[in-house]
Amino acid sequence: MRPGIFDYAVVVLLLLREIFEWRWHWPRCVEAIRARVPGARNRAYLSTIIALWMFTLFVLALWIARARPWSALC
């Protein structure tokens, strides 16, 4: 199966998410942890986990909408 617009859109979104993480989110998390803000480390972990699960659910929803075979995920 050749990659389509769906595949390229997922890659672009993943790259944009990583750029956001690198340029905006992570520096603020590190700053809060260094300043010993209570719960800063837990919030950083939680926001990362939530973002990754949202991306995973997004990909799965698109996978279902495009009726792609589940065997292609392996």
PDB file of N, CA and C in Angstrom:
ATOM      1  N   MET A   1       0.842  -1.168   0.000  1.00  0.00           N
ATOM      2  CA  MET A   1       0.000   0.000   0.000  1.00  0.00           C
ATOM      3  C   MET A   1       0.897   1.245   0.000  1.00  0.00           C
ATOM      4  N   ARG A   2       0.669   2.117  -0.954  1.00  0.00           N
ATOM      5  CA  ARG A   2       1.454   3.350  -1.069  1.00  0.00           C
ATOM      6  C   ARG A   2       0.973   4.388  -0.062  1.00  0.00           C
ATOM      7  N   PRO A   3       1.893   5.200   0.444  1.00  0.00           N
ATOM      8  CA  PRO A   3       1.460   6.253   1.368  1.00  0.00           C
ATOM      9  C   PRO A   3       0.573   7.270   0.660  1.00  0.00           C
ATOM     10  N   GLY A   4      -0.430   7.722   1.371  1.00  0.00           N
ATOM     11  CA  GLY A   4      -1.337   8.725   0.829  1.00  0.00           C
ATOM     12  C   GLY A   4      -1.282   9.994   1.658  1.00  0.00           C
ATOM     13  N   ILE A   5      -2.225  10.863   1.414  1.00  0.00           N
ATOM     14  CA  ILE A   5      -2.268  12.137   2.117  1.00  0.00           C
ATOM     15  C   ILE A   5      -2.443  11.906   3.616  1.00  0.00           C
ATOM     16  N   PHE A   6      -3.170  10.875   3.990  1.00  0.00           N
ATOM     17  CA  PHE A   6      -3.361  10.517   5.397  1.00  0.00           C
ATOM     18  C   PHE A   6      -2.021  10.289   6.082  1.00  0.00           C
ATOM     19  N   ASP A   7      -1.173   9.526   5.444  1.00  0.00           N
ATOM     20  CA  ASP A   7       0.128   9.203   6.027  1.00  0.00           C
ATOM     21  C   ASP A   7       0.998  10.452   6.181  1.00  0.00           C
ATOM     22  N   TYR A   8       0.997  11.283   5.168  1.00  0.00           N
ATOM     23  CA  TYR A   8       1.798  12.500   5.232  1.00  0.00           C
ATOM     24  C   TYR A   8       1.243  13.479   6.273  1.00  0.00           C
ATOM     25  N   ALA A   9      -0.068  13.541   6.405  1.00  0.00           N
ATOM     26  CA  ALA A   9      -0.687  14.422   7.401  1.00  0.00           C
ATOM     27  C   ALA A   9      -0.305  13.974   8.815  1.00  0.00           C
ATOM     28  N   VAL A  10      -0.292  12.683   9.051  1.00  0.00           N
ATOM     29  CA  VAL A  10       0.088  12.164  10.362  1.00  0.00           C
ATOM     30  C   VAL A  10       1.542  12.507  10.668  1.00  0.00           C
ATOM     31  N   VAL A  11       2.409  12.354   9.705  1.00  0.00           N
ATOM     32  CA  VAL A  11       3.825  12.679   9.910  1.00  0.00           C
ATOM     33  C   VAL A  11       3.992  14.173  10.191  1.00  0.00           C
ATOM     34  N   VAL A  12       3.305  15.012   9.437  1.00  0.00           N
ATOM     35  CA  VAL A  12       3.395  16.459   9.642  1.00  0.00           C
ATOM     36  C   VAL A  12       2.885  16.830  11.031  1.00  0.00           C
ATOM     37  N   LEU A  13       1.764  16.258  11.444  1.00  0.00           N
ATOM     38  CA  LEU A  13       1.225  16.548  12.771  1.00  0.00           C
ATOM     39  C   LEU A  13       2.170  16.087  13.879  1.00  0.00           C
ATOM     40  N   LEU A  14       2.772  14.944  13.694  1.00  0.00           N
ATOM     41  CA  LEU A  14       3.729  14.460  14.689  1.00  0.00           C
ATOM     42  C   LEU A  14       4.933  15.390  14.773  1.00  0.00           C
ATOM     43  N   LEU A  15       5.427  15.842  13.643  1.00  0.00           N
ATOM     44  CA  LEU A  15       6.554  16.779  13.643  1.00  0.00           C
ATOM     45  C   LEU A  15       6.182  18.111  14.283  1.00  0.00           C
ATOM     46  N   LEU A  16       4.989  18.609  13.992  1.00  0.00           N
ATOM     47  CA  LEU A  16       4.542  19.862  14.601  1.00  0.00           C
ATOM     48  C   LEU A  16       4.405  19.726  16.111  1.00  0.00           C
ATOM     49  N   ARG A  17       3.923  18.599  16.554  1.00  0.00           N
ATOM     50  CA  ARG A  17       3.809  18.355  17.983  1.00  0.00           C
ATOM     51  C   ARG A  17       5.186  18.342  18.638  1.00  0.00           C
ATOM     52  N   GLU A  18       6.140  17.717  17.995  1.00  0.00           N
ATOM     53  CA  GLU A  18       7.489  17.664  18.558  1.00  0.00           C
ATOM     54  C   GLU A  18       8.143  19.039  18.588  1.00  0.00           C
ATOM     55  N   ILE A  19       7.906  19.840  17.559  1.00  0.00           N
ATOM     56  CA  ILE A  19       8.448  21.205  17.542  1.00  0.00           C
ATOM     57  C   ILE A  19       7.820  22.025  18.661  1.00  0.00           C
ATOM     58  N   PHE A  20       6.516  21.894  18.839  1.00  0.00           N
ATOM     59  CA  PHE A  20       5.833  22.578  19.934  1.00  0.00           C
ATOM     60  C   PHE A  20       6.434  22.156  21.266  1.00  0.00           C
ATOM     61  N   GLU A  21       6.622  20.880  21.452  1.00  0.00           N
ATOM     62  CA  GLU A  21       7.197  20.352  22.698  1.00  0.00           C
ATOM     63  C   GLU A  21       8.586  20.937  22.939  1.00  0.00           C
ATOM     64  N   TRP A  22       9.404  20.929  21.925  1.00  0.00           N
ATOM     65  CA  TRP A  22      10.797  21.366  22.035  1.00  0.00           C
ATOM     66  C   TRP A  22      10.917  22.878  22.264  1.00  0.00           C
ATOM     67  N   ARG A  23      10.114  23.661  21.540  1.00  0.00           N
ATOM     68  CA  ARG A  23      10.264  25.117  21.590  1.00  0.00           C
ATOM     69  C   ARG A  23       9.435  25.783  22.684  1.00  0.00           C
ATOM     70  N   TRP A  24       8.312  25.220  23.074  1.00  0.00           N
ATOM     71  CA  TRP A  24       7.434  25.916  23.996  1.00  0.00           C
ATOM     72  C   TRP A  24       7.202  25.152  25.296  1.00  0.00           C
ATOM     73  N   HIS A  25       6.724  23.946  25.191  1.00  0.00           N
ATOM     74  CA  HIS A  25       6.293  23.207  26.380  1.00  0.00           C
ATOM     75  C   HIS A  25       7.450  22.794  27.287  1.00  0.00           C
ATOM     76  N   TRP A  26       8.444  22.146  26.740  1.00  0.00           N
ATOM     77  CA  TRP A  26       9.526  21.609  27.565  1.00  0.00           C
ATOM     78  C   TRP A  26      10.312  22.695  28.300  1.00  0.00           C
ATOM     79  N   PRO A  27      10.692  23.798  27.656  1.00  0.00           N
ATOM     80  CA  PRO A  27      11.416  24.841  28.411  1.00  0.00           C
ATOM     81  C   PRO A  27      10.616  25.364  29.609  1.00  0.00           C
ATOM     82  N   ARG A  28       9.314  25.476  29.462  1.00  0.00           N
ATOM     83  CA  ARG A  28       8.495  25.943  30.576  1.00  0.00           C
ATOM     84  C   ARG A  28       8.416  24.900  31.690  1.00  0.00           C
ATOM     85  N   CYS A  29       8.364  23.646  31.327  1.00  0.00           N
ATOM     86  CA  CYS A  29       8.361  22.585  32.334  1.00  0.00           C
ATOM     87  C   CYS A  29       9.675  22.572  33.102  1.00  0.00           C
ATOM     88  N   VAL A  30      10.784  22.680  32.406  1.00  0.00           N
ATOM     89  CA  VAL A  30      12.095  22.689  33.059  1.00  0.00           C
ATOM     90  C   VAL A  30      12.216  23.902  33.980  1.00  0.00           C
ATOM     91  N   GLU A  31      11.753  25.048  33.519  1.00  0.00           N
ATOM     92  CA  GLU A  31      11.800  26.266  34.334  1.00  0.00           C
ATOM     93  C   GLU A  31      10.986  26.098  35.613  1.00  0.00           C
ATOM     94  N   ALA A  32       9.812  25.524  35.504  1.00  0.00           N
ATOM     95  CA  ALA A  32       8.961  25.313  36.680  1.00  0.00           C
ATOM     96  C   ALA A  32       9.591  24.299  37.635  1.00  0.00           C
ATOM     97  N   ILE A  33      10.201  23.255  37.102  1.00  0.00           N
ATOM     98  CA  ILE A  33      10.849  22.247  37.955  1.00  0.00           C
ATOM     99  C   ILE A  33      12.042  22.868  38.676  1.00  0.00           C
ATOM    100  N   ARG A  34      12.842  23.653  37.958  1.00  0.00           N
ATOM    101  CA  ARG A  34      13.997  24.317  38.595  1.00  0.00           C
ATOM    102  C   ARG A  34      13.558  25.313  39.657  1.00  0.00           C
ATOM    103  N   ALA A  35      12.422  25.960  39.448  1.00  0.00           N
ATOM    104  CA  ALA A  35      11.910  26.918  40.422  1.00  0.00           C
ATOM    105  C   ALA A  35      11.196  26.217  41.579  1.00  0.00           C
ATOM    106  N   ARG A  36      11.192  24.899  41.542  1.00  0.00           N
ATOM    107  CA  ARG A  36      10.565  24.067  42.582  1.00  0.00           C
ATOM    108  C   ARG A  36       9.075  24.383  42.770  1.00  0.00           C
ATOM    109  N   VAL A  37       8.412  24.593  41.658  1.00  0.00           N
ATOM    110  CA  VAL A  37       6.961  24.800  41.706  1.00  0.00           C
ATOM    111  C   VAL A  37       6.312  23.468  42.101  1.00  0.00           C
ATOM    112  N   PRO A  38       5.487  23.475  43.136  1.00  0.00           N
ATOM    113  CA  PRO A  38       4.867  22.212  43.571  1.00  0.00           C
ATOM    114  C   PRO A  38       4.058  21.552  42.444  1.00  0.00           C
ATOM    115  N   GLY A  39       4.316  20.278  42.221  1.00  0.00           N
ATOM    116  CA  GLY A  39       3.584  19.509  41.215  1.00  0.00           C
ATOM    117  C   GLY A  39       4.022  19.743  39.784  1.00  0.00           C
ATOM    118  N   ALA A  40       5.085  20.500  39.569  1.00  0.00           N
ATOM    119  CA  ALA A  40       5.510  20.820  38.201  1.00  0.00           C
ATOM    120  C   ALA A  40       5.919  19.567  37.430  1.00  0.00           C
ATOM    121  N   ARG A  41       6.664  18.704  38.078  1.00  0.00           N
ATOM    122  CA  ARG A  41       7.117  17.482  37.397  1.00  0.00           C
ATOM    123  C   ARG A  41       5.926  16.592  37.054  1.00  0.00           C
ATOM    124  N   ASN A  42       4.992  16.442  37.971  1.00  0.00           N
ATOM    125  CA  ASN A  42       3.810  15.616  37.702  1.00  0.00           C
ATOM    126  C   ASN A  42       2.974  16.196  36.568  1.00  0.00           C
ATOM    127  N   ARG A  43       2.818  17.525  36.531  1.00  0.00           N
ATOM    128  CA  ARG A  43       2.071  18.159  35.436  1.00  0.00           C
ATOM    129  C   ARG A  43       2.781  17.944  34.104  1.00  0.00           C
ATOM    130  N   ALA A  44       4.110  17.998  34.110  1.00  0.00           N
ATOM    131  CA  ALA A  44       4.861  17.771  32.872  1.00  0.00           C
ATOM    132  C   ALA A  44       4.631  16.345  32.366  1.00  0.00           C
ATOM    133  N   TYR A  45       4.706  15.381  33.273  1.00  0.00           N
ATOM    134  CA  TYR A  45       4.464  13.988  32.889  1.00  0.00           C
ATOM    135  C   TYR A  45       3.029  13.809  32.379  1.00  0.00           C
ATOM    136  N   LEU A  46       2.089  14.347  33.127  1.00  0.00           N
ATOM    137  CA  LEU A  46       0.686  14.182  32.773  1.00  0.00           C
ATOM    138  C   LEU A  46       0.365  14.818  31.416  1.00  0.00           C
ATOM    139  N   SER A  47       0.855  16.015  31.177  1.00  0.00           N
ATOM    140  CA  SER A  47       0.570  16.671  29.897  1.00  0.00           C
ATOM    141  C   SER A  47       1.208  15.922  28.735  1.00  0.00           C
ATOM    142  N   THR A  48       2.383  15.355  28.954  1.00  0.00           N
ATOM    143  CA  THR A  48       3.031  14.560  27.895  1.00  0.00           C
ATOM    144  C   THR A  48       2.234  13.298  27.610  1.00  0.00           C
ATOM    145  N   ILE A  49       1.812  12.610  28.667  1.00  0.00           N
ATOM    146  CA  ILE A  49       1.027  11.384  28.491  1.00  0.00           C
ATOM    147  C   ILE A  49      -0.285  11.681  27.777  1.00  0.00           C
ATOM    148  N   ILE A  50      -0.962  12.741  28.188  1.00  0.00           N
ATOM    149  CA  ILE A  50      -2.240  13.102  27.559  1.00  0.00           C
ATOM    150  C   ILE A  50      -2.038  13.440  26.087  1.00  0.00           C
ATOM    151  N   ALA A  51      -1.006  14.206  25.771  1.00  0.00           N
ATOM    152  CA  ALA A  51      -0.749  14.585  24.374  1.00  0.00           C
ATOM    153  C   ALA A  51      -0.467  13.352  23.521  1.00  0.00           C
ATOM    154  N   LEU A  52       0.317  12.430  24.044  1.00  0.00           N
ATOM    155  CA  LEU A  52       0.636  11.224  23.269  1.00  0.00           C
ATOM    156  C   LEU A  52      -0.602  10.348  23.072  1.00  0.00           C
ATOM    157  N   TRP A  53      -1.438  10.219  24.107  1.00  0.00           N
ATOM    158  CA  TRP A  53      -2.654   9.431  23.957  1.00  0.00           C
ATOM    159  C   TRP A  53      -3.644  10.096  23.002  1.00  0.00           C
ATOM    160  N   MET A  54      -3.708  11.416  23.028  1.00  0.00           N
ATOM    161  CA  MET A  54      -4.589  12.117  22.083  1.00  0.00           C
ATOM    162  C   MET A  54      -4.133  11.877  20.656  1.00  0.00           C
ATOM    163  N   PHE A  55      -2.837  11.930  20.434  1.00  0.00           N
ATOM    164  CA  PHE A  55      -2.316  11.665  19.101  1.00  0.00           C
ATOM    165  C   PHE A  55      -2.607  10.219  18.683  1.00  0.00           C
ATOM    166  N   THR A  56      -2.431   9.287  19.610  1.00  0.00           N
ATOM    167  CA  THR A  56      -2.716   7.884  19.324  1.00  0.00           C
ATOM    168  C   THR A  56      -4.183   7.689  18.950  1.00  0.00           C
ATOM    169  N   LEU A  57      -5.081   8.288  19.721  1.00  0.00           N
ATOM    170  CA  LEU A  57      -6.511   8.170  19.424  1.00  0.00           C
ATOM    171  C   LEU A  57      -6.868   8.827  18.100  1.00  0.00           C
ATOM    172  N   PHE A  58      -6.214   9.935  17.791  1.00  0.00           N
ATOM    173  CA  PHE A  58      -6.410  10.602  16.506  1.00  0.00           C
ATOM    174  C   PHE A  58      -6.023   9.679  15.348  1.00  0.00           C
ATOM    175  N   VAL A  59      -4.870   9.059  15.460  1.00  0.00           N
ATOM    176  CA  VAL A  59      -4.412   8.144  14.406  1.00  0.00           C
ATOM    177  C   VAL A  59      -5.356   6.957  14.283  1.00  0.00           C
ATOM    178  N   LEU A  60      -5.776   6.398  15.398  1.00  0.00           N
ATOM    179  CA  LEU A  60      -6.705   5.264  15.344  1.00  0.00           C
ATOM    180  C   LEU A  60      -8.048   5.661  14.732  1.00  0.00           C
ATOM    181  N   ALA A  61      -8.547   6.841  15.066  1.00  0.00           N
ATOM    182  CA  ALA A  61      -9.805   7.306  14.482  1.00  0.00           C
ATOM    183  C   ALA A  61      -9.677   7.469  12.971  1.00  0.00           C
ATOM    184  N   LEU A  62      -8.581   8.051  12.532  1.00  0.00           N
ATOM    185  CA  LEU A  62      -8.358   8.182  11.090  1.00  0.00           C
ATOM    186  C   LEU A  62      -8.182   6.819  10.429  1.00  0.00           C
ATOM    187  N   TRP A  63      -7.530   5.907  11.133  1.00  0.00           N
ATOM    188  CA  TRP A  63      -7.313   4.552  10.609  1.00  0.00           C
ATOM    189  C   TRP A  63      -8.668   3.872  10.377  1.00  0.00           C
ATOM    190  N   ILE A  64      -9.551   4.016  11.351  1.00  0.00           N
ATOM    191  CA  ILE A  64     -10.885   3.417  11.233  1.00  0.00           C
ATOM    192  C   ILE A  64     -11.682   4.106  10.127  1.00  0.00           C
ATOM    193  N   ALA A  65     -11.620   5.431  10.086  1.00  0.00           N
ATOM    194  CA  ALA A  65     -12.359   6.184   9.071  1.00  0.00           C
ATOM    195  C   ALA A  65     -11.909   5.831   7.661  1.00  0.00           C
ATOM    196  N   ARG A  66     -10.639   5.510   7.499  1.00  0.00           N
ATOM    197  CA  ARG A  66     -10.103   5.153   6.182  1.00  0.00           C
ATOM    198  C   ARG A  66     -10.249   3.660   5.890  1.00  0.00           C
ATOM    199  N   ALA A  67     -10.793   2.908   6.849  1.00  0.00           N
ATOM    200  CA  ALA A  67     -11.015   1.456   6.714  1.00  0.00           C
ATOM    201  C   ALA A  67      -9.730   0.718   6.346  1.00  0.00           C
ATOM    202  N   ARG A  68      -8.675   1.087   7.015  1.00  0.00           N
ATOM    203  CA  ARG A  68      -7.398   0.408   6.784  1.00  0.00           C
ATOM    204  C   ARG A  68      -7.361  -0.891   7.575  1.00  0.00           C
ATOM    205  N   PRO A  69      -6.619  -1.882   7.086  1.00  0.00           N
ATOM    206  CA  PRO A  69      -6.576  -3.163   7.797  1.00  0.00           C
ATOM    207  C   PRO A  69      -5.728  -3.063   9.074  1.00  0.00           C
ATOM    208  N   TRP A  70      -6.205  -3.691  10.145  1.00  0.00           N
ATOM    209  CA  TRP A  70      -5.468  -3.666  11.412  1.00  0.00           C
ATOM    210  C   TRP A  70      -4.136  -4.391  11.293  1.00  0.00           C
ATOM    211  N   SER A  71      -4.055  -5.348  10.396  1.00  0.00           N
ATOM    212  CA  SER A  71      -2.794  -6.085  10.226  1.00  0.00           C
ATOM    213  C   SER A  71      -1.669  -5.185   9.719  1.00  0.00           C
ATOM    214  N   ALA A  72      -2.013  -4.055   9.108  1.00  0.00           N
ATOM    215  CA  ALA A  72      -0.989  -3.130   8.601  1.00  0.00           C
ATOM    216  C   ALA A  72      -0.281  -2.375   9.731  1.00  0.00           C
ATOM    217  N   LEU A  73      -0.833  -2.391  10.932  1.00  0.00           N
ATOM    218  CA  LEU A  73      -0.206  -1.712  12.066  1.00  0.00           C
ATOM    219  C   LEU A  73       0.945  -2.501  12.652  1.00  0.00           C
ATOM    220  N   CYS A  74       0.996  -3.766  12.373  1.00  0.00           N
ATOM    221  CA  CYS A  74       2.047  -4.630  12.967  1.00  0.00           C
ATOM    222  C   CYS A  74       3.355  -4.500  12.228  1.00  0.00           C
TER     223      CYS A  74
END
